[in-house]
Amino acid sequence: MDPFTRQQIESLERMLARGFVPVAFPLYAAMVGVRKGGCAALLEAVPGGGFRVYGEPCVLIDGNLTVRIGDGGKSWFVWKKQRVEATGERVAELEGFVGELKILIEPHL
């Protein structure tokens, strides 16, 4: 991974100040992982500065990234054979996480 740009450092500092925690996900070593509460996202460095969200932010199960699926008329967050229901509370937490993250990774003048 290349050294962070000033813009990327400022984005990371804003995230830390708002309670986001950097986390390493070994399968995604080239990405910057961030989590807050029970949610996480992967950030991809943008050439020339900044970050963009890589893939879909998700709910964590035992510290692992999940995917969201539909099964039996319900929505679930799944990691391997583990799953948790995508309850209104979990979905609201994830939506709040995504909204805050997107604001924090925008360039600030």
N, C-alpha and C. Protein backbone atom coordinates (compact mmCIF):
# COMPACT_ATOMS: atom_id res chain seq x y z
N MET A 1 0.85 -1.17 0.00
CA MET A 1 0.00 0.00 0.00
C MET A 1 0.89 1.24 0.00
N ASP A 2 0.54 2.21 -0.79
CA ASP A 2 1.28 3.46 -0.85
C ASP A 2 1.05 4.26 0.43
N PRO A 3 1.96 5.19 0.74
CA PRO A 3 1.75 6.05 1.90
C PRO A 3 0.46 6.86 1.74
N PHE A 4 -0.19 7.17 2.85
CA PHE A 4 -1.43 7.95 2.79
C PHE A 4 -1.14 9.38 2.37
N THR A 5 -2.10 9.95 1.63
CA THR A 5 -2.03 11.36 1.28
C THR A 5 -2.51 12.19 2.47
N ARG A 6 -2.28 13.48 2.40
CA ARG A 6 -2.75 14.38 3.46
C ARG A 6 -4.27 14.27 3.60
N GLN A 7 -4.98 14.20 2.49
CA GLN A 7 -6.44 14.10 2.50
C GLN A 7 -6.88 12.80 3.19
N GLN A 8 -6.20 11.70 2.92
CA GLN A 8 -6.54 10.43 3.55
C GLN A 8 -6.27 10.46 5.05
N ILE A 9 -5.16 11.06 5.45
CA ILE A 9 -4.85 11.19 6.87
C ILE A 9 -5.92 12.02 7.58
N GLU A 10 -6.33 13.10 6.94
CA GLU A 10 -7.37 13.94 7.54
C GLU A 10 -8.69 13.19 7.67
N SER A 11 -9.02 12.38 6.67
CA SER A 11 -10.24 11.56 6.75
C SER A 11 -10.16 10.57 7.90
N LEU A 12 -9.01 9.91 8.04
CA LEU A 12 -8.83 8.95 9.13
C LEU A 12 -8.89 9.64 10.49
N GLU A 13 -8.32 10.82 10.60
CA GLU A 13 -8.38 11.57 11.86
C GLU A 13 -9.82 11.94 12.22
N ARG A 14 -10.62 12.35 11.22
CA ARG A 14 -12.03 12.67 11.46
C ARG A 14 -12.78 11.42 11.94
N MET A 15 -12.48 10.27 11.30
CA MET A 15 -13.13 9.03 11.70
C MET A 15 -12.78 8.66 13.14
N LEU A 16 -11.50 8.75 13.49
CA LEU A 16 -11.08 8.42 14.86
C LEU A 16 -11.76 9.34 15.87
N ALA A 17 -11.87 10.61 15.55
CA ALA A 17 -12.50 11.58 16.45
C ALA A 17 -13.98 11.27 16.66
N ARG A 18 -14.60 10.59 15.72
CA ARG A 18 -16.03 10.25 15.81
C ARG A 18 -16.27 8.82 16.29
N GLY A 19 -15.23 8.16 16.78
CA GLY A 19 -15.41 6.84 17.38
C GLY A 19 -15.21 5.66 16.46
N PHE A 20 -14.78 5.91 15.23
CA PHE A 20 -14.47 4.80 14.32
C PHE A 20 -13.11 4.23 14.73
N VAL A 21 -12.96 2.92 14.57
CA VAL A 21 -11.73 2.24 14.95
C VAL A 21 -11.15 1.55 13.73
N PRO A 22 -9.86 1.75 13.44
CA PRO A 22 -9.26 1.02 12.32
C PRO A 22 -9.14 -0.46 12.69
N VAL A 23 -9.36 -1.31 11.72
CA VAL A 23 -9.27 -2.75 11.95
C VAL A 23 -8.72 -3.42 10.70
N ALA A 24 -7.91 -4.44 10.90
CA ALA A 24 -7.33 -5.18 9.77
C ALA A 24 -8.19 -6.41 9.48
N PHE A 25 -8.52 -6.58 8.22
CA PHE A 25 -9.20 -7.79 7.76
C PHE A 25 -8.21 -8.49 6.83
N PRO A 26 -7.59 -9.59 7.28
CA PRO A 26 -6.51 -10.23 6.53
C PRO A 26 -6.82 -10.54 5.07
N LEU A 27 -8.04 -10.89 4.75
CA LEU A 27 -8.37 -11.18 3.35
C LEU A 27 -8.40 -9.93 2.48
N TYR A 28 -8.40 -8.77 3.13
CA TYR A 28 -8.46 -7.50 2.41
C TYR A 28 -7.31 -6.60 2.86
N ALA A 29 -6.10 -7.13 2.80
CA ALA A 29 -4.92 -6.43 3.31
C ALA A 29 -4.65 -5.11 2.60
N ALA A 30 -5.10 -4.95 1.37
CA ALA A 30 -4.86 -3.71 0.62
C ALA A 30 -5.89 -2.64 0.95
N MET A 31 -6.88 -2.96 1.78
CA MET A 31 -7.94 -2.02 2.14
C MET A 31 -7.75 -1.54 3.57
N VAL A 32 -8.35 -0.42 3.88
CA VAL A 32 -8.40 0.08 5.24
C VAL A 32 -9.74 -0.34 5.82
N GLY A 33 -9.72 -1.10 6.89
CA GLY A 33 -10.96 -1.49 7.54
C GLY A 33 -11.28 -0.52 8.66
N VAL A 34 -12.56 -0.18 8.81
CA VAL A 34 -13.01 0.65 9.92
C VAL A 34 -14.28 0.03 10.50
N ARG A 35 -14.42 0.20 11.81
CA ARG A 35 -15.63 -0.30 12.47
C ARG A 35 -16.11 0.72 13.49
N LYS A 36 -17.37 0.64 13.78
CA LYS A 36 -17.96 1.44 14.84
C LYS A 36 -19.17 0.66 15.32
N GLY A 37 -19.22 0.40 16.60
CA GLY A 37 -20.29 -0.43 17.12
C GLY A 37 -20.22 -1.81 16.48
N GLY A 38 -21.33 -2.30 16.01
CA GLY A 38 -21.38 -3.61 15.39
C GLY A 38 -21.27 -3.59 13.88
N CYS A 39 -20.79 -2.48 13.32
CA CYS A 39 -20.73 -2.34 11.86
C CYS A 39 -19.29 -2.13 11.39
N ALA A 40 -19.04 -2.47 10.13
CA ALA A 40 -17.70 -2.29 9.56
C ALA A 40 -17.80 -2.02 8.07
N ALA A 41 -16.70 -1.46 7.55
CA ALA A 41 -16.60 -1.20 6.12
C ALA A 41 -15.14 -1.28 5.70
N LEU A 42 -14.95 -1.54 4.44
CA LEU A 42 -13.62 -1.52 3.83
C LEU A 42 -13.51 -0.24 3.02
N LEU A 43 -12.38 0.43 3.14
CA LEU A 43 -12.14 1.65 2.38
C LEU A 43 -10.99 1.42 1.42
N GLU A 44 -11.19 1.86 0.21
CA GLU A 44 -10.18 1.74 -0.84
C GLU A 44 -9.57 3.12 -1.07
N ALA A 45 -8.25 3.18 -1.09
CA ALA A 45 -7.58 4.44 -1.37
C ALA A 45 -7.84 4.84 -2.82
N VAL A 46 -8.19 6.10 -3.02
CA VAL A 46 -8.45 6.63 -4.35
C VAL A 46 -7.16 7.27 -4.86
N PRO A 47 -6.75 6.95 -6.09
CA PRO A 47 -5.53 7.58 -6.62
C PRO A 47 -5.64 9.11 -6.53
N GLY A 48 -4.61 9.72 -6.01
CA GLY A 48 -4.60 11.17 -5.88
C GLY A 48 -5.14 11.67 -4.55
N GLY A 49 -5.69 10.79 -3.73
CA GLY A 49 -6.17 11.19 -2.41
C GLY A 49 -7.57 10.72 -2.13
N GLY A 50 -7.90 10.64 -0.87
CA GLY A 50 -9.24 10.25 -0.44
C GLY A 50 -9.45 8.75 -0.40
N PHE A 51 -10.67 8.40 0.00
CA PHE A 51 -11.10 7.01 0.07
C PHE A 51 -12.47 6.87 -0.56
N ARG A 52 -12.79 5.64 -0.94
CA ARG A 52 -14.17 5.31 -1.31
C ARG A 52 -14.49 3.99 -0.63
N VAL A 53 -15.77 3.79 -0.37
CA VAL A 53 -16.22 2.56 0.26
C VAL A 53 -16.07 1.43 -0.75
N TYR A 54 -15.44 0.35 -0.34
CA TYR A 54 -15.23 -0.82 -1.19
C TYR A 54 -16.26 -1.88 -0.80
N GLY A 55 -17.04 -2.31 -1.75
CA GLY A 55 -18.07 -3.31 -1.45
C GLY A 55 -19.19 -2.71 -0.63
N GLU A 56 -19.85 -3.54 0.15
CA GLU A 56 -20.97 -3.10 0.98
C GLU A 56 -20.58 -3.09 2.45
N PRO A 57 -20.79 -1.97 3.15
CA PRO A 57 -20.61 -1.99 4.59
C PRO A 57 -21.53 -3.04 5.20
N CYS A 58 -21.18 -3.55 6.37
CA CYS A 58 -21.94 -4.67 6.91
C CYS A 58 -21.96 -4.67 8.43
N VAL A 59 -22.76 -5.58 8.95
CA VAL A 59 -22.80 -5.90 10.37
C VAL A 59 -21.73 -6.96 10.60
N LEU A 60 -21.07 -6.91 11.75
CA LEU A 60 -20.04 -7.89 12.07
C LEU A 60 -20.63 -9.07 12.85
N ILE A 61 -20.11 -10.25 12.60
CA ILE A 61 -20.39 -11.42 13.43
C ILE A 61 -19.04 -11.91 13.94
N ASP A 62 -18.87 -11.89 15.25
CA ASP A 62 -17.60 -12.30 15.87
C ASP A 62 -16.39 -11.62 15.22
N GLY A 63 -16.55 -10.33 14.88
CA GLY A 63 -15.46 -9.57 14.30
C GLY A 63 -15.21 -9.83 12.83
N ASN A 64 -16.10 -10.56 12.18
CA ASN A 64 -15.94 -10.90 10.77
C ASN A 64 -16.97 -10.18 9.90
N LEU A 65 -16.55 -9.83 8.69
CA LEU A 65 -17.44 -9.19 7.73
C LEU A 65 -18.52 -10.15 7.28
N THR A 66 -19.71 -9.63 7.08
CA THR A 66 -20.84 -10.46 6.66
C THR A 66 -21.36 -10.02 5.31
N VAL A 67 -22.24 -10.83 4.75
CA VAL A 67 -23.01 -10.46 3.57
C VAL A 67 -24.47 -10.52 3.98
N ARG A 68 -25.29 -9.75 3.30
CA ARG A 68 -26.73 -9.72 3.61
C ARG A 68 -27.45 -10.56 2.57
N ILE A 69 -28.28 -11.47 3.05
CA ILE A 69 -29.04 -12.35 2.17
C ILE A 69 -30.50 -12.37 2.60
N GLY A 70 -31.33 -12.84 1.70
CA GLY A 70 -32.73 -13.09 2.02
C GLY A 70 -32.94 -14.60 2.07
N ASP A 71 -33.66 -15.05 3.09
CA ASP A 71 -33.94 -16.48 3.22
C ASP A 71 -35.21 -16.65 4.04
N GLY A 72 -36.14 -17.42 3.52
CA GLY A 72 -37.37 -17.68 4.26
C GLY A 72 -38.20 -16.44 4.53
N GLY A 73 -38.15 -15.49 3.62
CA GLY A 73 -38.92 -14.26 3.79
C GLY A 73 -38.31 -13.26 4.76
N LYS A 74 -37.12 -13.56 5.25
CA LYS A 74 -36.42 -12.65 6.16
C LYS A 74 -35.08 -12.28 5.57
N SER A 75 -34.50 -11.22 6.11
CA SER A 75 -33.17 -10.77 5.70
C SER A 75 -32.20 -11.11 6.82
N TRP A 76 -30.99 -11.56 6.41
CA TRP A 76 -29.98 -12.02 7.37
C TRP A 76 -28.61 -11.47 7.02
N PHE A 77 -27.77 -11.30 8.04
CA PHE A 77 -26.36 -11.04 7.85
C PHE A 77 -25.65 -12.36 8.13
N VAL A 78 -24.82 -12.80 7.18
CA VAL A 78 -24.25 -14.14 7.25
C VAL A 78 -22.73 -14.10 7.14
N TRP A 79 -22.08 -14.91 7.97
CA TRP A 79 -20.65 -15.18 7.87
C TRP A 79 -20.48 -16.68 8.08
N LYS A 80 -19.95 -17.33 7.04
CA LYS A 80 -19.82 -18.79 7.04
C LYS A 80 -21.15 -19.41 7.42
N LYS A 81 -21.21 -20.21 8.48
CA LYS A 81 -22.47 -20.85 8.86
C LYS A 81 -23.22 -20.09 9.95
N GLN A 82 -22.69 -18.94 10.34
CA GLN A 82 -23.35 -18.12 11.36
C GLN A 82 -24.20 -17.05 10.69
N ARG A 83 -25.30 -16.70 11.33
CA ARG A 83 -26.12 -15.62 10.79
C ARG A 83 -26.92 -14.97 11.90
N VAL A 84 -27.19 -13.68 11.68
CA VAL A 84 -28.05 -12.93 12.57
C VAL A 84 -29.11 -12.24 11.72
N GLU A 85 -30.29 -12.15 12.26
CA GLU A 85 -31.37 -11.53 11.50
C GLU A 85 -31.13 -10.04 11.31
N ALA A 86 -31.48 -9.55 10.15
CA ALA A 86 -31.35 -8.12 9.83
C ALA A 86 -32.58 -7.41 10.40
N THR A 87 -32.59 -7.28 11.72
CA THR A 87 -33.70 -6.62 12.40
C THR A 87 -33.71 -5.13 12.07
N GLY A 88 -34.82 -4.49 12.35
CA GLY A 88 -34.92 -3.05 12.14
C GLY A 88 -33.83 -2.29 12.87
N GLU A 89 -33.51 -2.74 14.09
CA GLU A 89 -32.47 -2.08 14.88
C GLU A 89 -31.09 -2.23 14.23
N ARG A 90 -30.76 -3.43 13.76
CA ARG A 90 -29.46 -3.64 13.11
C ARG A 90 -29.36 -2.87 11.80
N VAL A 91 -30.43 -2.88 11.03
CA VAL A 91 -30.43 -2.16 9.75
C VAL A 91 -30.30 -0.65 10.00
N ALA A 92 -30.99 -0.14 11.01
CA ALA A 92 -30.89 1.29 11.33
C ALA A 92 -29.48 1.65 11.77
N GLU A 93 -28.84 0.79 12.58
CA GLU A 93 -27.46 1.03 13.00
C GLU A 93 -26.54 1.06 11.78
N LEU A 94 -26.72 0.12 10.86
CA LEU A 94 -25.89 0.05 9.66
C LEU A 94 -26.11 1.29 8.79
N GLU A 95 -27.34 1.70 8.61
CA GLU A 95 -27.63 2.89 7.80
C GLU A 95 -27.00 4.14 8.41
N GLY A 96 -27.06 4.27 9.74
CA GLY A 96 -26.43 5.40 10.40
C GLY A 96 -24.91 5.37 10.24
N PHE A 97 -24.34 4.18 10.36
CA PHE A 97 -22.91 3.98 10.16
C PHE A 97 -22.49 4.42 8.76
N VAL A 98 -23.22 3.96 7.76
CA VAL A 98 -22.89 4.28 6.36
C VAL A 98 -23.02 5.78 6.11
N GLY A 99 -24.09 6.38 6.59
CA GLY A 99 -24.29 7.81 6.39
C GLY A 99 -23.17 8.64 7.01
N GLU A 100 -22.79 8.30 8.24
CA GLU A 100 -21.72 9.03 8.91
C GLU A 100 -20.38 8.80 8.20
N LEU A 101 -20.11 7.57 7.82
CA LEU A 101 -18.85 7.25 7.14
C LEU A 101 -18.71 8.02 5.84
N LYS A 102 -19.78 8.07 5.06
CA LYS A 102 -19.70 8.77 3.77
C LYS A 102 -19.41 10.26 3.95
N ILE A 103 -19.97 10.86 4.99
CA ILE A 103 -19.67 12.27 5.25
C ILE A 103 -18.21 12.44 5.65
N LEU A 104 -17.69 11.52 6.46
CA LEU A 104 -16.32 11.64 6.96
C LEU A 104 -15.26 11.40 5.90
N ILE A 105 -15.57 10.63 4.85
CA ILE A 105 -14.56 10.38 3.83
C ILE A 105 -14.62 11.40 2.69
N GLU A 106 -15.62 12.26 2.70
CA GLU A 106 -15.67 13.32 1.70
C GLU A 106 -14.53 14.30 1.93
N PRO A 107 -13.97 14.85 0.86
CA PRO A 107 -12.92 15.85 1.03
C PRO A 107 -13.48 17.08 1.75
N HIS A 108 -12.73 17.61 2.69
CA HIS A 108 -13.10 18.82 3.41
C HIS A 108 -12.08 19.91 3.10
N LEU A 109 -12.60 21.06 2.77
CA LEU A 109 -11.71 22.17 2.43
C LEU A 109 -11.44 23.03 3.64
